[in-house]
Amino acid sequence: MLNLALAKNKDKFDSFYEMQDDPDADFEEKINPYPSIFLSYLKDNKDELLDKIVSAYKDNSLKDLLEEQDNFEDKYLVNLVNENYEDLTSEDYYPTSTEDSELKESLSQFLANALAFIDISEDQYSDLLTEKYLNLNNYDHINYDPTQNIDYEFIKRNYFASALDGQDENALNIYQIVKTDEVDYKGIEPISQDLQSLVDSYYYNRTKS
């Protein structure tokens, strides 16, 4: 993942934060800059592969194209489309009758989204949550607004998004914390040590463990 905190990525970092106050900026880019960054990378570096993916997509030969790839990165991209072929080709998305140029653009965006978004409900990300976002281990079951900014931003960028549909603007409008004269958000403070001691004693007496 591109680290926007590094000095060499300062231009991208500045661009992302400048657009936060721009009412005309693209909504999805304001939420998560990475799909746009990945999309630029794919167009600049994987144009030939994207053409092959479009061709294989239209004649349902993605498995053959997958076997032809020696490069791990290319193999991974082809496999992303192959694994989601049934959903992608539905009438709701990109049927094989779609014009090549439109299909290439759509599949490129799908791949960029798939690379950028993290689905915290998937087992493959359990280690990431345990190591870096411990407060979010149970988020998929409880659904609350995290009080830690790093957790809040992580959820905002990933939880309400899918590779096929992008960001769910309605869900994000409900989730986002926006203070107004009428609404003031407050984080839940930790309980005192005295109360924690009473809780621990009560738990021990009830469970004997």
C-alpha atoms as a PDB file:
ATOM      1  CA  MET A   1       0.000   0.000   0.000  1.00  0.00           C
ATOM      2  CA  LEU A   2       1.255   3.487  -0.840  1.00  0.00           C
ATOM      3  CA  ASN A   3       2.190   5.333   2.351  1.00  0.00           C
ATOM      4  CA  LEU A   4       1.010   8.942   2.098  1.00  0.00           C
ATOM      5  CA  ALA A   5       3.028   9.815   5.197  1.00  0.00           C
ATOM      6  CA  LEU A   6       6.342   9.426   3.335  1.00  0.00           C
ATOM      7  CA  ALA A   7       8.052  12.602   2.101  1.00  0.00           C
ATOM      8  CA  LYS A   8       8.211  11.302  -1.479  1.00  0.00           C
ATOM      9  CA  ASN A   9       4.402  11.110  -1.549  1.00  0.00           C
ATOM     10  CA  LYS A  10       3.855  14.623  -0.182  1.00  0.00           C
ATOM     11  CA  ASP A  11       2.190  15.806  -3.405  1.00  0.00           C
ATOM     12  CA  LYS A  12      -0.458  13.084  -3.159  1.00  0.00           C
ATOM     13  CA  PHE A  13      -0.889  13.736   0.564  1.00  0.00           C
ATOM     14  CA  ASP A  14      -1.404  17.466  -0.016  1.00  0.00           C
ATOM     15  CA  SER A  15      -3.818  16.848  -2.881  1.00  0.00           C
ATOM     16  CA  PHE A  16      -5.950  14.513  -0.775  1.00  0.00           C
ATOM     17  CA  TYR A  17      -6.282  16.918   2.146  1.00  0.00           C
ATOM     18  CA  GLU A  18      -6.850  19.965  -0.043  1.00  0.00           C
ATOM     19  CA  MET A  19      -9.872  18.342  -1.664  1.00  0.00           C
ATOM     20  CA  GLN A  20     -11.544  17.809   1.729  1.00  0.00           C
ATOM     21  CA  ASP A  21     -12.708  21.436   1.676  1.00  0.00           C
ATOM     22  CA  ASP A  22     -13.596  21.418  -2.015  1.00  0.00           C
ATOM     23  CA  PRO A  23     -17.378  20.961  -2.471  1.00  0.00           C
ATOM     24  CA  ASP A  24     -16.847  20.061  -6.135  1.00  0.00           C
ATOM     25  CA  ALA A  25     -14.280  17.324  -5.494  1.00  0.00           C
ATOM     26  CA  ASP A  26     -15.196  13.728  -6.287  1.00  0.00           C
ATOM     27  CA  PHE A  27     -16.975  12.202  -3.278  1.00  0.00           C
ATOM     28  CA  GLU A  28     -15.207   8.837  -3.464  1.00  0.00           C
ATOM     29  CA  GLU A  29     -11.760  10.399  -3.790  1.00  0.00           C
ATOM     30  CA  LYS A  30     -12.439  12.548  -0.726  1.00  0.00           C
ATOM     31  CA  ILE A  31     -13.195   9.402   1.273  1.00  0.00           C
ATOM     32  CA  ASN A  32     -10.359   7.199   0.028  1.00  0.00           C
ATOM     33  CA  PRO A  33      -7.529   8.347  -2.291  1.00  0.00           C
ATOM     34  CA  TYR A  34      -6.146   4.892  -3.008  1.00  0.00           C
ATOM     35  CA  PRO A  35      -8.538   3.694  -5.753  1.00  0.00           C
ATOM     36  CA  SER A  36      -7.596   6.741  -7.824  1.00  0.00           C
ATOM     37  CA  ILE A  37      -3.895   6.149  -7.201  1.00  0.00           C
ATOM     38  CA  PHE A  38      -4.159   2.471  -8.171  1.00  0.00           C
ATOM     39  CA  LEU A  39      -6.207   3.369 -11.249  1.00  0.00           C
ATOM     40  CA  SER A  40      -3.459   5.702 -12.477  1.00  0.00           C
ATOM     41  CA  TYR A  41      -0.888   2.981 -11.866  1.00  0.00           C
ATOM     42  CA  LEU A  42      -2.877   0.407 -13.851  1.00  0.00           C
ATOM     43  CA  LYS A  43      -3.361   2.752 -16.795  1.00  0.00           C
ATOM     44  CA  ASP A  44       0.311   3.725 -16.857  1.00  0.00           C
ATOM     45  CA  ASN A  45       1.819   0.283 -16.293  1.00  0.00           C
ATOM     46  CA  LYS A  46      -0.721  -2.412 -17.176  1.00  0.00           C
ATOM     47  CA  ASP A  47      -2.380  -1.123 -20.337  1.00  0.00           C
ATOM     48  CA  GLU A  48      -1.455  -4.156 -22.453  1.00  0.00           C
ATOM     49  CA  LEU A  49      -2.603  -6.573 -19.753  1.00  0.00           C
ATOM     50  CA  LEU A  50      -5.897  -4.686 -19.400  1.00  0.00           C
ATOM     51  CA  ASP A  51      -6.527  -5.144 -23.130  1.00  0.00           C
ATOM     52  CA  LYS A  52      -5.915  -8.878 -22.749  1.00  0.00           C
ATOM     53  CA  ILE A  53      -8.249  -9.020 -19.746  1.00  0.00           C
ATOM     54  CA  VAL A  54     -11.019  -7.306 -21.728  1.00  0.00           C
ATOM     55  CA  SER A  55     -10.610  -9.775 -24.594  1.00  0.00           C
ATOM     56  CA  ALA A  56     -10.588 -12.804 -22.273  1.00  0.00           C
ATOM     57  CA  TYR A  57     -13.514 -11.366 -20.322  1.00  0.00           C
ATOM     58  CA  LYS A  58     -15.646 -11.106 -23.450  1.00  0.00           C
ATOM     59  CA  ASP A  59     -15.005 -14.665 -24.624  1.00  0.00           C
ATOM     60  CA  ASN A  60     -14.883 -16.200 -21.124  1.00  0.00           C
ATOM     61  CA  SER A  61     -11.271 -17.346 -21.363  1.00  0.00           C
ATOM     62  CA  LEU A  62      -9.863 -15.724 -18.228  1.00  0.00           C
ATOM     63  CA  LYS A  63      -8.667 -19.077 -16.879  1.00  0.00           C
ATOM     64  CA  ASP A  64      -6.529 -19.530 -19.991  1.00  0.00           C
ATOM     65  CA  LEU A  65      -5.144 -16.005 -19.631  1.00  0.00           C
ATOM     66  CA  LEU A  66      -4.390 -16.711 -15.984  1.00  0.00           C
ATOM     67  CA  GLU A  67      -2.298 -19.764 -16.877  1.00  0.00           C
ATOM     68  CA  GLU A  68      -0.272 -17.678 -19.336  1.00  0.00           C
ATOM     69  CA  GLN A  69       0.919 -15.230 -16.685  1.00  0.00           C
ATOM     70  CA  ASP A  70       4.396 -15.662 -15.208  1.00  0.00           C
ATOM     71  CA  ASN A  71       4.442 -12.393 -13.292  1.00  0.00           C
ATOM     72  CA  PHE A  72       2.806 -12.577  -9.847  1.00  0.00           C
ATOM     73  CA  GLU A  73       1.313  -9.098 -10.115  1.00  0.00           C
ATOM     74  CA  ASP A  74      -0.284  -9.811 -13.491  1.00  0.00           C
ATOM     75  CA  LYS A  75      -1.524 -13.186 -12.321  1.00  0.00           C
ATOM     76  CA  TYR A  76      -3.120 -11.554  -9.275  1.00  0.00           C
ATOM     77  CA  LEU A  77      -4.951  -8.961 -11.389  1.00  0.00           C
ATOM     78  CA  VAL A  78      -6.294 -11.526 -13.848  1.00  0.00           C
ATOM     79  CA  ASN A  79      -7.403 -13.742 -10.977  1.00  0.00           C
ATOM     80  CA  LEU A  80      -9.346 -10.881  -9.352  1.00  0.00           C
ATOM     81  CA  VAL A  81     -11.461 -10.540 -12.481  1.00  0.00           C
ATOM     82  CA  ASN A  82     -11.761 -14.298 -12.923  1.00  0.00           C
ATOM     83  CA  GLU A  83     -12.955 -14.865  -9.339  1.00  0.00           C
ATOM     84  CA  ASN A  84     -15.622 -12.171  -9.710  1.00  0.00           C
ATOM     85  CA  TYR A  85     -16.592 -13.014 -13.290  1.00  0.00           C
ATOM     86  CA  GLU A  86     -20.152 -14.108 -12.508  1.00  0.00           C
ATOM     87  CA  ASP A  87     -20.969 -10.893 -10.651  1.00  0.00           C
ATOM     88  CA  LEU A  88     -19.146  -8.667 -13.105  1.00  0.00           C
ATOM     89  CA  THR A  89     -20.933 -10.037 -16.166  1.00  0.00           C
ATOM     90  CA  SER A  90     -24.418  -9.615 -14.711  1.00  0.00           C
ATOM     91  CA  GLU A  91     -26.784  -7.069 -16.243  1.00  0.00           C
ATOM     92  CA  ASP A  92     -26.316  -4.879 -13.169  1.00  0.00           C
ATOM     93  CA  TYR A  93     -22.648  -4.356 -13.975  1.00  0.00           C
ATOM     94  CA  TYR A  94     -20.681  -5.084 -17.156  1.00  0.00           C
ATOM     95  CA  PRO A  95     -22.244  -7.675 -19.471  1.00  0.00           C
ATOM     96  CA  THR A  96     -19.934  -9.033 -22.160  1.00  0.00           C
ATOM     97  CA  SER A  97     -21.834  -7.022 -24.770  1.00  0.00           C
ATOM     98  CA  THR A  98     -20.364  -3.811 -23.319  1.00  0.00           C
ATOM     99  CA  GLU A  99     -18.157  -1.800 -25.700  1.00  0.00           C
ATOM    100  CA  ASP A 100     -14.443  -2.586 -25.292  1.00  0.00           C
ATOM    101  CA  SER A 101     -13.414   0.938 -24.280  1.00  0.00           C
ATOM    102  CA  GLU A 102     -16.159   1.178 -21.655  1.00  0.00           C
ATOM    103  CA  LEU A 103     -15.420  -2.324 -20.422  1.00  0.00           C
ATOM    104  CA  LYS A 104     -11.721  -1.541 -20.074  1.00  0.00           C
ATOM    105  CA  GLU A 105     -12.493   1.556 -18.023  1.00  0.00           C
ATOM    106  CA  SER A 106     -14.976  -0.309 -15.821  1.00  0.00           C
ATOM    107  CA  LEU A 107     -12.725  -3.309 -15.197  1.00  0.00           C
ATOM    108  CA  SER A 108      -9.790  -0.996 -14.473  1.00  0.00           C
ATOM    109  CA  GLN A 109     -11.887   0.779 -11.841  1.00  0.00           C
ATOM    110  CA  PHE A 110     -13.003  -2.556 -10.396  1.00  0.00           C
ATOM    111  CA  LEU A 111      -9.384  -3.696 -10.076  1.00  0.00           C
ATOM    112  CA  ALA A 112      -8.337  -0.387  -8.515  1.00  0.00           C
ATOM    113  CA  ASN A 113     -11.143  -0.687  -5.963  1.00  0.00           C
ATOM    114  CA  ALA A 114     -10.329  -4.327  -5.231  1.00  0.00           C
ATOM    115  CA  LEU A 115      -6.694  -3.414  -4.567  1.00  0.00           C
ATOM    116  CA  ALA A 116      -7.573  -0.429  -2.393  1.00  0.00           C
ATOM    117  CA  PHE A 117     -10.404  -1.620  -0.156  1.00  0.00           C
ATOM    118  CA  ILE A 118      -9.933  -3.840   2.900  1.00  0.00           C
ATOM    119  CA  ASP A 119     -12.861  -6.043   3.909  1.00  0.00           C
ATOM    120  CA  ILE A 120     -12.448  -6.429   7.673  1.00  0.00           C
ATOM    121  CA  SER A 121     -14.904  -9.326   7.735  1.00  0.00           C
ATOM    122  CA  GLU A 122     -12.477 -11.502   5.735  1.00  0.00           C
ATOM    123  CA  ASP A 123     -10.211 -13.876   7.657  1.00  0.00           C
ATOM    124  CA  GLN A 124      -7.149 -12.832   5.642  1.00  0.00           C
ATOM    125  CA  TYR A 125      -7.168  -9.453   7.399  1.00  0.00           C
ATOM    126  CA  SER A 126      -7.532 -10.784  10.944  1.00  0.00           C
ATOM    127  CA  ASP A 127      -3.788 -10.400  11.633  1.00  0.00           C
ATOM    128  CA  LEU A 128      -3.861  -6.796  10.408  1.00  0.00           C
ATOM    129  CA  LEU A 129      -6.707  -5.965  12.772  1.00  0.00           C
ATOM    130  CA  THR A 130      -5.023  -7.733  15.665  1.00  0.00           C
ATOM    131  CA  GLU A 131      -1.723  -5.910  15.150  1.00  0.00           C
ATOM    132  CA  LYS A 132      -2.759  -2.417  14.038  1.00  0.00           C
ATOM    133  CA  TYR A 133      -6.474  -1.968  14.676  1.00  0.00           C
ATOM    134  CA  LEU A 134      -7.156  -3.971  17.821  1.00  0.00           C
ATOM    135  CA  ASN A 135     -10.202  -1.834  18.677  1.00  0.00           C
ATOM    136  CA  LEU A 136     -11.911  -3.002  15.481  1.00  0.00           C
ATOM    137  CA  ASN A 137     -11.784  -6.746  16.127  1.00  0.00           C
ATOM    138  CA  ASN A 138     -15.507  -6.854  16.849  1.00  0.00           C
ATOM    139  CA  TYR A 139     -16.624  -3.972  14.629  1.00  0.00           C
ATOM    140  CA  ASP A 140     -18.345  -6.241  12.126  1.00  0.00           C
ATOM    141  CA  HIS A 141     -20.673  -7.446  14.903  1.00  0.00           C
ATOM    142  CA  ILE A 142     -21.292  -4.251  16.872  1.00  0.00           C
ATOM    143  CA  ASN A 143     -21.057  -1.302  14.415  1.00  0.00           C
ATOM    144  CA  TYR A 144     -20.230   1.866  16.302  1.00  0.00           C
ATOM    145  CA  ASP A 145     -18.354   5.079  15.543  1.00  0.00           C
ATOM    146  CA  PRO A 146     -14.767   4.493  16.747  1.00  0.00           C
ATOM    147  CA  THR A 147     -13.439   7.242  19.027  1.00  0.00           C
ATOM    148  CA  GLN A 148      -9.805   6.799  17.946  1.00  0.00           C
ATOM    149  CA  ASN A 149      -9.210   8.868  14.807  1.00  0.00           C
ATOM    150  CA  ILE A 150      -7.053   6.217  13.103  1.00  0.00           C
ATOM    151  CA  ASP A 151      -9.796   3.607  13.622  1.00  0.00           C
ATOM    152  CA  TYR A 152     -12.524   6.019  12.527  1.00  0.00           C
ATOM    153  CA  GLU A 153     -10.717   6.842   9.263  1.00  0.00           C
ATOM    154  CA  PHE A 154      -9.931   3.184   8.554  1.00  0.00           C
ATOM    155  CA  ILE A 155     -13.615   2.248   8.850  1.00  0.00           C
ATOM    156  CA  LYS A 156     -14.715   5.265   6.821  1.00  0.00           C
ATOM    157  CA  ARG A 157     -12.435   4.364   3.919  1.00  0.00           C
ATOM    158  CA  ASN A 158     -13.115   0.643   3.812  1.00  0.00           C
ATOM    159  CA  TYR A 159     -16.202  -0.652   5.609  1.00  0.00           C
ATOM    160  CA  PHE A 160     -18.876   0.940   3.419  1.00  0.00           C
ATOM    161  CA  ALA A 161     -17.161   0.190   0.118  1.00  0.00           C
ATOM    162  CA  SER A 162     -17.069  -2.684  -2.345  1.00  0.00           C
ATOM    163  CA  ALA A 163     -14.969  -3.279  -5.429  1.00  0.00           C
ATOM    164  CA  LEU A 164     -18.107  -3.514  -7.564  1.00  0.00           C
ATOM    165  CA  ASP A 165     -20.086  -0.570  -6.218  1.00  0.00           C
ATOM    166  CA  GLY A 166     -17.493   1.771  -4.784  1.00  0.00           C
ATOM    167  CA  GLN A 167     -18.428   3.810  -1.710  1.00  0.00           C
ATOM    168  CA  ASP A 168     -21.943   3.707  -0.261  1.00  0.00           C
ATOM    169  CA  GLU A 169     -22.616   7.432   0.092  1.00  0.00           C
ATOM    170  CA  ASN A 170     -25.847   6.980   2.065  1.00  0.00           C
ATOM    171  CA  ALA A 171     -24.170   4.765   4.670  1.00  0.00           C
ATOM    172  CA  LEU A 172     -21.229   7.138   4.932  1.00  0.00           C
ATOM    173  CA  ASN A 173     -23.495  10.120   5.498  1.00  0.00           C
ATOM    174  CA  ILE A 174     -24.960   8.271   8.481  1.00  0.00           C
ATOM    175  CA  TYR A 175     -21.558   7.159   9.777  1.00  0.00           C
ATOM    176  CA  GLN A 176     -19.596  10.391   9.464  1.00  0.00           C
ATOM    177  CA  ILE A 177     -19.241  12.540  12.543  1.00  0.00           C
ATOM    178  CA  VAL A 178     -20.124  16.141  11.720  1.00  0.00           C
ATOM    179  CA  LYS A 179     -20.481  18.492  14.665  1.00  0.00           C
ATOM    180  CA  THR A 180     -23.166  21.174  14.415  1.00  0.00           C
ATOM    181  CA  ASP A 181     -24.868  23.587  16.802  1.00  0.00           C
ATOM    182  CA  GLU A 182     -27.537  20.945  17.383  1.00  0.00           C
ATOM    183  CA  VAL A 183     -25.330  17.851  17.561  1.00  0.00           C
ATOM    184  CA  ASP A 184     -22.205  17.328  19.642  1.00  0.00           C
ATOM    185  CA  TYR A 185     -20.381  13.997  19.583  1.00  0.00           C
ATOM    186  CA  LYS A 186     -18.530  12.783  22.653  1.00  0.00           C
ATOM    187  CA  GLY A 187     -16.295   9.746  22.979  1.00  0.00           C
ATOM    188  CA  ILE A 188     -17.050   7.180  25.668  1.00  0.00           C
ATOM    189  CA  GLU A 189     -14.487   7.639  28.427  1.00  0.00           C
ATOM    190  CA  PRO A 190     -12.784   4.622  30.063  1.00  0.00           C
ATOM    191  CA  ILE A 191     -14.211   3.625  33.435  1.00  0.00           C
ATOM    192  CA  SER A 192     -12.288   4.525  36.593  1.00  0.00           C
ATOM    193  CA  GLN A 193      -9.870   2.108  38.254  1.00  0.00           C
ATOM    194  CA  ASP A 194     -12.187   1.761  41.259  1.00  0.00           C
ATOM    195  CA  LEU A 195     -15.121   0.801  39.079  1.00  0.00           C
ATOM    196  CA  GLN A 196     -12.933  -1.531  37.005  1.00  0.00           C
ATOM    197  CA  SER A 197     -11.871  -3.276  40.221  1.00  0.00           C
ATOM    198  CA  LEU A 198     -15.511  -3.779  41.221  1.00  0.00           C
ATOM    199  CA  VAL A 199     -16.339  -5.108  37.762  1.00  0.00           C
ATOM    200  CA  ASP A 200     -13.413  -7.554  37.889  1.00  0.00           C
ATOM    201  CA  SER A 201     -14.402  -8.757  41.363  1.00  0.00           C
ATOM    202  CA  TYR A 202     -18.015  -9.240  40.336  1.00  0.00           C
ATOM    203  CA  TYR A 203     -16.970 -11.119  37.177  1.00  0.00           C
ATOM    204  CA  TYR A 204     -14.658 -13.378  39.195  1.00  0.00           C
ATOM    205  CA  ASN A 205     -17.330 -14.150  41.787  1.00  0.00           C
ATOM    206  CA  ARG A 206     -19.851 -14.983  39.090  1.00  0.00           C
ATOM    207  CA  THR A 207     -17.539 -17.129  36.978  1.00  0.00           C
ATOM    208  CA  LYS A 208     -14.907 -18.279  39.490  1.00  0.00           C
ATOM    209  CA  SER A 209     -12.264 -17.787  36.812  1.00  0.00           C
END
